[in-house]
Amino acid sequence: AATTREAVTFAALWPYLVVGVFVPGLLTIAFLWAIREAGPSRTAVFINTFPLFSAVFAIVFLDEPLRAGLAIGTLLVVAGTIGIAVQTDTPAEYRGAAFRLALVVMLGAAAVVGGRDTAIRWASERDDVPAIVGVAATLVSGLAAILFYTCMTSRRSERGLVPRARRAAFPFTAIGVLAGFNTVLIFEALERGRVTIVSPLIGTAMLWTLVFSVILLGRGEGLGRRVVGSALLVAGGVALISVTRGG
């Protein structure tokens, strides 16, 4: 906020603080749990359906037009997610109620991310808040939500907060650095390129997750033709939705 040299009131900033509690706050907690229960590949496919929810919310709440590309993209996304949800050849550790619940939670998380996009768009039209200030506000409130959750769960754990934090410090610090660098790249790309080009490229993240899962986890992910085909359907649907909205 200091770098912008602009005064920002709490009345203009509160939507960003509320959004941050959910994304990245609660979303990060749900995402890590879902990866453990459903694996990174399937989790990535489901969470990356968020452009569909962004488009739907924008049509309902922001009066954006409904286009044919959105309808076709929606069908592709739905077909891809159903293909993963009903598959029967998942690894043993990814079966059962926890696996199905994780997929449902990730669909809910995708809807939350879509709601974030709509809320930020609404807030930006309501008050002229510099982008860097809005991003900082969401990160601060998200961090507060995660710290609160960690402290509460540590009270019920046999290990205290400090031993748990020390054990997780190295791997998750590295993940956080990568996530921060990724955010910088996305903002740089959006500043220099059209949304209709950048957004579909960002949507390929789920396909890279499949590639790295095969390389690092091997057959443990159980990535058969159905999973790969379903991921391609979702990626194609997301790209079509992004291009349609930007057109």
Protein backbone atom coordinates (compact mmCIF):
# COMPACT_ATOMS: atom_id res chain seq x y z
CA ALA A 1 0.00 0.00 0.00
CA ALA A 2 2.90 2.34 0.71
CA THR A 3 4.32 1.87 -2.78
CA THR A 4 1.11 3.11 -4.40
CA ARG A 5 1.13 6.38 -2.42
CA GLU A 6 -2.66 6.25 -2.46
CA ALA A 7 -4.96 6.25 0.55
CA VAL A 8 -7.25 3.21 0.66
CA THR A 9 -10.16 3.15 3.10
CA PHE A 10 -11.42 0.07 4.92
CA ALA A 11 -14.80 0.53 3.20
CA ALA A 12 -13.10 -0.06 -0.13
CA LEU A 13 -10.81 -2.84 1.12
CA TRP A 14 -13.16 -5.09 3.08
CA PRO A 15 -14.31 -7.20 0.07
CA TYR A 16 -10.69 -8.19 -0.58
CA LEU A 17 -10.17 -9.11 3.07
CA VAL A 18 -13.29 -11.29 3.05
CA VAL A 19 -12.27 -12.97 -0.21
CA GLY A 20 -8.81 -13.71 1.17
CA VAL A 21 -10.24 -15.73 4.06
CA PHE A 22 -11.67 -18.16 1.53
CA VAL A 23 -9.08 -17.82 -1.28
CA PRO A 24 -6.26 -18.47 -0.57
CA GLY A 25 -7.10 -19.14 3.12
CA LEU A 26 -9.56 -22.01 3.46
CA LEU A 27 -8.93 -23.10 -0.13
CA THR A 28 -5.29 -23.91 0.66
CA ILE A 29 -6.32 -26.13 3.59
CA ALA A 30 -8.94 -27.96 1.52
CA PHE A 31 -6.57 -28.33 -1.44
CA LEU A 32 -3.80 -29.97 0.58
CA TRP A 33 -6.29 -32.36 2.18
CA ALA A 34 -7.80 -33.28 -1.18
CA ILE A 35 -4.38 -34.06 -2.66
CA ARG A 36 -3.79 -36.53 0.16
CA GLU A 37 -7.17 -38.22 -0.30
CA ALA A 38 -7.61 -38.11 -4.10
CA GLY A 39 -4.10 -37.59 -5.47
CA PRO A 40 -2.66 -34.54 -7.24
CA SER A 41 -3.86 -35.40 -10.75
CA ARG A 42 -7.56 -35.77 -10.04
CA THR A 43 -7.50 -32.87 -7.60
CA ALA A 44 -5.89 -30.62 -10.21
CA VAL A 45 -8.53 -31.48 -12.81
CA PHE A 46 -11.42 -30.70 -10.48
CA ILE A 47 -10.02 -27.45 -9.05
CA ASN A 48 -9.20 -26.18 -12.54
CA THR A 49 -12.88 -26.19 -13.49
CA PHE A 50 -13.14 -22.77 -11.79
CA PRO A 51 -13.41 -20.77 -15.08
CA LEU A 52 -16.77 -22.47 -15.60
CA PHE A 53 -18.05 -21.14 -12.28
CA SER A 54 -16.51 -17.73 -12.96
CA ALA A 55 -18.42 -17.54 -16.21
CA VAL A 56 -21.70 -18.68 -14.66
CA PHE A 57 -21.44 -16.21 -11.78
CA ALA A 58 -20.54 -13.42 -14.19
CA ILE A 59 -23.65 -14.14 -16.25
CA VAL A 60 -25.89 -14.24 -13.19
CA PHE A 61 -24.46 -11.37 -11.15
CA LEU A 62 -22.57 -9.18 -13.62
CA ASP A 63 -24.94 -9.45 -16.60
CA GLU A 64 -22.30 -10.87 -18.95
CA PRO A 65 -23.82 -12.36 -22.14
CA LEU A 66 -24.32 -16.10 -22.62
CA ARG A 67 -22.45 -17.31 -25.70
CA ALA A 68 -22.44 -20.61 -27.54
CA GLY A 69 -18.78 -21.25 -26.71
CA LEU A 70 -19.59 -21.13 -23.02
CA ALA A 71 -22.32 -23.73 -23.39
CA ILE A 72 -20.08 -26.08 -25.37
CA GLY A 73 -17.19 -25.56 -22.96
CA THR A 74 -19.51 -26.32 -20.06
CA LEU A 75 -20.51 -29.64 -21.62
CA LEU A 76 -16.84 -30.58 -22.09
CA VAL A 77 -15.99 -29.71 -18.48
CA VAL A 78 -18.96 -31.65 -17.11
CA ALA A 79 -18.14 -34.67 -19.27
CA GLY A 80 -14.51 -34.63 -18.11
CA THR A 81 -15.31 -34.39 -14.41
CA ILE A 82 -17.93 -37.15 -14.66
CA GLY A 83 -15.40 -39.35 -16.46
CA ILE A 84 -13.03 -39.10 -13.50
CA ALA A 85 -15.71 -39.38 -10.83
CA VAL A 86 -17.17 -42.66 -12.15
CA GLN A 87 -13.92 -44.44 -13.02
CA THR A 88 -13.37 -47.82 -11.41
CA ASP A 89 -9.62 -48.29 -11.88
CA THR A 90 -8.37 -45.85 -9.25
CA PRO A 91 -5.56 -47.00 -6.92
CA ALA A 92 -6.66 -48.65 -3.68
CA GLU A 93 -5.60 -45.69 -1.53
CA TYR A 94 -7.82 -43.36 -3.57
CA ARG A 95 -11.04 -45.29 -3.19
CA GLY A 96 -13.88 -45.02 -0.75
CA ALA A 97 -15.87 -42.23 0.83
CA ALA A 98 -12.84 -39.97 1.44
CA PHE A 99 -11.92 -40.06 -2.26
CA ARG A 100 -15.43 -39.14 -3.38
CA LEU A 101 -15.70 -36.45 -0.70
CA ALA A 102 -12.38 -34.93 -1.84
CA LEU A 103 -13.68 -34.61 -5.40
CA VAL A 104 -16.88 -32.97 -4.16
CA VAL A 105 -14.87 -30.60 -1.97
CA MET A 106 -12.68 -29.64 -4.95
CA LEU A 107 -15.75 -28.87 -7.05
CA GLY A 108 -16.93 -26.67 -4.19
CA ALA A 109 -13.47 -25.10 -4.04
CA ALA A 110 -13.63 -24.40 -7.79
CA ALA A 111 -16.95 -22.65 -7.22
CA VAL A 112 -15.34 -20.59 -4.44
CA VAL A 113 -12.50 -19.55 -6.77
CA GLY A 114 -15.08 -18.61 -9.39
CA GLY A 115 -16.90 -16.59 -6.75
CA ARG A 116 -13.62 -14.88 -5.87
CA ASP A 117 -13.19 -13.72 -9.47
CA THR A 118 -16.74 -12.34 -9.54
CA ALA A 119 -16.38 -10.65 -6.14
CA ILE A 120 -13.07 -9.02 -7.11
CA ARG A 121 -14.57 -7.82 -10.38
CA TRP A 122 -17.52 -6.34 -8.48
CA ALA A 123 -15.24 -4.72 -5.89
CA SER A 124 -12.97 -3.22 -8.55
CA GLU A 125 -15.96 -1.64 -10.28
CA ARG A 126 -17.32 -0.38 -6.94
CA ASP A 127 -14.10 1.24 -5.69
CA ASP A 128 -10.86 2.10 -7.43
CA VAL A 129 -8.48 -0.05 -5.36
CA PRO A 130 -4.97 -0.53 -6.83
CA ALA A 131 -4.45 -4.14 -7.86
CA ILE A 132 -1.33 -4.58 -5.71
CA VAL A 133 -3.22 -3.39 -2.64
CA GLY A 134 -6.14 -5.75 -3.30
CA VAL A 135 -3.79 -8.71 -3.77
CA ALA A 136 -1.90 -7.84 -0.57
CA ALA A 137 -5.18 -7.66 1.37
CA THR A 138 -6.31 -11.10 0.19
CA LEU A 139 -2.92 -12.60 1.07
CA VAL A 140 -2.92 -11.07 4.55
CA SER A 141 -6.42 -12.27 5.45
CA GLY A 142 -5.70 -15.66 3.86
CA LEU A 143 -2.57 -16.04 5.97
CA ALA A 144 -4.53 -15.08 9.08
CA ALA A 145 -7.14 -17.76 8.32
CA ILE A 146 -4.49 -20.44 7.81
CA LEU A 147 -2.65 -19.50 11.01
CA PHE A 148 -5.91 -19.58 12.97
CA TYR A 149 -6.74 -23.05 11.62
CA THR A 150 -3.21 -24.30 12.35
CA CYS A 151 -3.27 -23.01 15.91
CA MET A 152 -6.69 -24.54 16.62
CA THR A 153 -5.76 -27.97 15.23
CA SER A 154 -2.44 -27.91 17.08
CA ARG A 155 -4.29 -27.58 20.38
CA ARG A 156 -5.94 -30.95 19.71
CA SER A 157 -2.74 -32.58 18.49
CA GLU A 158 -0.24 -34.52 20.58
CA ARG A 159 2.51 -32.44 18.96
CA GLY A 160 2.52 -28.70 19.57
CA LEU A 161 2.52 -25.96 16.98
CA VAL A 162 6.28 -25.42 16.96
CA PRO A 163 7.27 -29.09 16.31
CA ARG A 164 4.65 -29.35 13.55
CA ALA A 165 5.81 -26.11 11.94
CA ARG A 166 9.46 -27.16 12.14
CA ARG A 167 8.72 -30.47 10.42
CA ALA A 168 6.79 -28.82 7.59
CA ALA A 169 9.02 -25.76 7.21
CA PHE A 170 11.35 -26.95 4.46
CA PRO A 171 9.00 -28.66 1.98
CA PHE A 172 6.14 -26.20 2.32
CA THR A 173 8.40 -23.15 2.28
CA ALA A 174 9.73 -24.34 -1.05
CA ILE A 175 6.15 -24.82 -2.28
CA GLY A 176 5.27 -21.31 -1.11
CA VAL A 177 8.21 -19.82 -2.99
CA LEU A 178 7.12 -21.59 -6.17
CA ALA A 179 3.53 -20.42 -5.68
CA GLY A 180 4.70 -16.84 -5.20
CA PHE A 181 6.90 -16.99 -8.29
CA ASN A 182 3.97 -18.46 -10.22
CA THR A 183 1.77 -15.53 -9.17
CA VAL A 184 4.39 -13.06 -10.38
CA LEU A 185 4.58 -14.81 -13.76
CA ILE A 186 0.78 -14.78 -14.13
CA PHE A 187 0.56 -11.05 -13.38
CA GLU A 188 3.43 -10.31 -15.77
CA ALA A 189 1.74 -12.37 -18.49
CA LEU A 190 -1.64 -10.70 -17.99
CA GLU A 191 0.03 -7.28 -18.14
CA ARG A 192 1.67 -8.06 -21.49
CA GLY A 193 -0.75 -10.46 -23.20
CA ARG A 194 -4.45 -10.80 -23.93
CA VAL A 195 -6.59 -12.65 -21.43
CA THR A 196 -7.89 -14.88 -24.22
CA ILE A 197 -4.34 -16.14 -24.72
CA VAL A 198 -3.05 -16.18 -21.14
CA SER A 199 -6.06 -17.82 -19.44
CA PRO A 200 -6.13 -20.96 -21.63
CA LEU A 201 -2.39 -21.34 -21.10
CA ILE A 202 -2.87 -21.13 -17.33
CA GLY A 203 -5.56 -23.79 -17.70
CA THR A 204 -2.94 -26.25 -18.98
CA ALA A 205 -1.70 -26.53 -15.38
CA MET A 206 -3.78 -29.67 -14.89
CA LEU A 207 -2.06 -31.34 -17.84
CA TRP A 208 1.37 -30.54 -16.41
CA THR A 209 0.21 -32.07 -13.15
CA LEU A 210 -0.48 -35.31 -15.00
CA VAL A 211 2.99 -35.24 -16.54
CA PHE A 212 4.79 -34.64 -13.24
CA SER A 213 2.62 -37.24 -11.50
CA VAL A 214 3.71 -39.88 -14.00
CA ILE A 215 7.37 -38.85 -13.66
CA LEU A 216 7.49 -38.62 -9.86
CA LEU A 217 4.77 -40.98 -8.66
CA GLY A 218 4.73 -43.56 -11.45
CA ARG A 219 1.85 -45.99 -11.42
CA GLY A 220 0.82 -44.98 -7.91
CA GLU A 221 -1.50 -42.37 -9.41
CA GLY A 222 -3.26 -44.91 -11.61
CA LEU A 223 -3.37 -42.58 -14.60
CA GLY A 224 -5.16 -44.57 -17.28
CA ARG A 225 -6.63 -43.44 -20.57
CA ARG A 226 -9.87 -42.36 -18.90
CA VAL A 227 -8.14 -39.95 -16.53
CA VAL A 228 -5.98 -38.46 -19.28
CA GLY A 229 -8.94 -38.22 -21.67
CA SER A 230 -11.10 -36.61 -19.01
CA ALA A 231 -8.36 -34.10 -18.21
CA LEU A 232 -8.10 -33.20 -21.90
CA LEU A 233 -11.87 -32.65 -22.04
CA VAL A 234 -11.76 -30.36 -19.02
CA ALA A 235 -8.74 -28.46 -20.36
CA GLY A 236 -10.42 -28.01 -23.73
CA GLY A 237 -13.66 -26.85 -22.10
CA VAL A 238 -11.84 -24.40 -19.84
CA ALA A 239 -9.89 -22.98 -22.78
CA LEU A 240 -13.07 -22.57 -24.81
CA ILE A 241 -14.82 -20.80 -21.92
CA SER A 242 -11.82 -18.46 -21.43
CA VAL A 243 -11.59 -17.61 -25.12
CA THR A 244 -15.36 -17.08 -25.37
CA ARG A 245 -15.44 -14.71 -22.40
CA GLY A 246 -12.53 -12.73 -23.72
CA GLY A 247 -13.89 -12.50 -27.24
